[in-house]
Amino acid sequence: MSKVTITEITTPGCVHCAEAKKIFEGEIKPNFPEVEIEYIDGLSDKGQQLIEAHGIMSSPGILVNGELFAMGGLNKEKLIEKIEELMAKGG
């Protein structure tokens, strides 16, 4: 089973960031407990580096295993498909 890491780059007061976090905490963590989820403040040095490196133009920026998956919102069904696909590939 492959390791899956999701990174959400957030900004203060962002409604879409809060919606994504609800999906991560309410649906992804309970159904995929082996998935690691990290939250990074977009205003932090690390957040700014990731935003620049991935060309993120709107919040949240969502990375899956270090690759840009989405920005400005989150499609839960596509995320679940991506997680299942990565986990099926094996270590």
Protein backbone atom coordinates (compact mmCIF):
# COMPACT_ATOMS: atom_id res chain seq x y z
CA MET A 1 0.00 0.00 0.00
CA SER A 2 1.39 3.40 -0.97
CA LYS A 3 1.61 6.22 1.50
CA VAL A 4 -0.69 9.12 0.68
CA THR A 5 -0.09 12.61 2.04
CA ILE A 6 -2.51 15.47 1.52
CA THR A 7 -1.36 19.02 2.13
CA GLU A 8 -3.83 21.89 2.38
CA ILE A 9 -2.34 25.35 2.03
CA THR A 10 -4.83 27.64 3.73
CA THR A 11 -5.41 31.35 4.20
CA PRO A 12 -7.18 32.99 7.15
CA GLY A 13 -10.94 33.42 6.72
CA CYS A 14 -11.07 31.28 3.57
CA VAL A 15 -14.48 29.60 3.25
CA HIS A 16 -13.24 27.03 0.72
CA CYS A 17 -10.34 26.14 3.03
CA ALA A 18 -12.79 25.46 5.87
CA GLU A 19 -14.99 23.34 3.58
CA ALA A 20 -11.98 21.28 2.47
CA LYS A 21 -10.90 20.76 6.08
CA LYS A 22 -14.41 19.48 6.94
CA ILE A 23 -14.09 16.92 4.14
CA PHE A 24 -10.62 15.88 5.31
CA GLU A 25 -11.60 15.58 8.97
CA GLY A 26 -15.15 14.24 8.51
CA GLU A 27 -14.77 11.89 5.57
CA ILE A 28 -11.18 11.26 4.52
CA LYS A 29 -9.65 10.57 7.96
CA PRO A 30 -12.42 8.18 9.11
CA ASN A 31 -12.48 6.26 5.79
CA PHE A 32 -8.74 6.38 5.05
CA PRO A 33 -7.00 6.47 8.47
CA GLU A 34 -3.62 5.75 6.87
CA VAL A 35 -3.75 9.00 4.85
CA GLU A 36 -1.61 11.74 6.38
CA ILE A 37 -3.15 15.22 6.25
CA GLU A 38 -1.23 18.40 6.96
CA TYR A 39 -2.38 21.99 7.05
CA ILE A 40 0.01 24.80 6.17
CA ASP A 41 -0.75 28.49 6.57
CA GLY A 42 -0.35 30.15 3.18
CA LEU A 43 1.11 33.21 4.89
CA SER A 44 3.95 31.22 6.48
CA ASP A 45 7.36 30.90 4.81
CA LYS A 46 6.68 27.25 3.93
CA GLY A 47 3.21 28.16 2.62
CA GLN A 48 4.62 30.93 0.44
CA GLN A 49 7.27 28.56 -0.95
CA LEU A 50 4.64 25.97 -1.86
CA ILE A 51 2.33 28.57 -3.41
CA GLU A 52 5.16 29.86 -5.58
CA ALA A 53 6.49 26.42 -6.49
CA HIS A 54 3.08 25.13 -7.61
CA GLY A 55 1.65 28.33 -9.10
CA ILE A 56 -1.28 28.33 -6.70
CA MET A 57 -3.54 31.28 -7.52
CA SER A 58 -6.45 30.70 -5.11
CA SER A 59 -7.08 29.10 -1.73
CA PRO A 60 -6.97 26.41 -0.73
CA GLY A 61 -4.08 24.84 -2.54
CA ILE A 62 -4.38 21.06 -2.24
CA LEU A 63 -1.34 18.87 -2.84
CA VAL A 64 -1.47 15.07 -2.99
CA ASN A 65 1.92 13.48 -2.47
CA GLY A 66 3.56 16.81 -3.26
CA GLU A 67 1.76 17.35 -6.57
CA LEU A 68 -0.87 20.02 -7.16
CA PHE A 69 -4.31 18.39 -7.05
CA ALA A 70 -6.67 21.37 -6.75
CA MET A 71 -6.90 25.06 -5.95
CA GLY A 72 -9.80 27.28 -5.00
CA GLY A 73 -11.99 24.37 -3.95
CA LEU A 74 -12.11 20.60 -3.64
CA ASN A 75 -14.00 17.89 -5.51
CA LYS A 76 -14.46 15.20 -2.86
CA GLU A 77 -15.26 12.42 -5.32
CA LYS A 78 -12.14 13.09 -7.41
CA LEU A 79 -10.02 13.20 -4.26
CA ILE A 80 -11.36 9.84 -3.08
CA GLU A 81 -10.66 8.37 -6.54
CA LYS A 82 -7.09 9.71 -6.39
CA ILE A 83 -6.51 8.28 -2.90
CA GLU A 84 -7.86 4.87 -3.91
CA GLU A 85 -5.74 4.89 -7.08
CA LEU A 86 -2.55 5.75 -5.18
CA MET A 87 -3.23 3.20 -2.45
CA ALA A 88 -3.90 0.47 -5.01
CA LYS A 89 -0.49 1.02 -6.63
CA GLY A 90 1.22 -0.45 -3.60
CA GLY A 91 4.49 0.52 -1.92
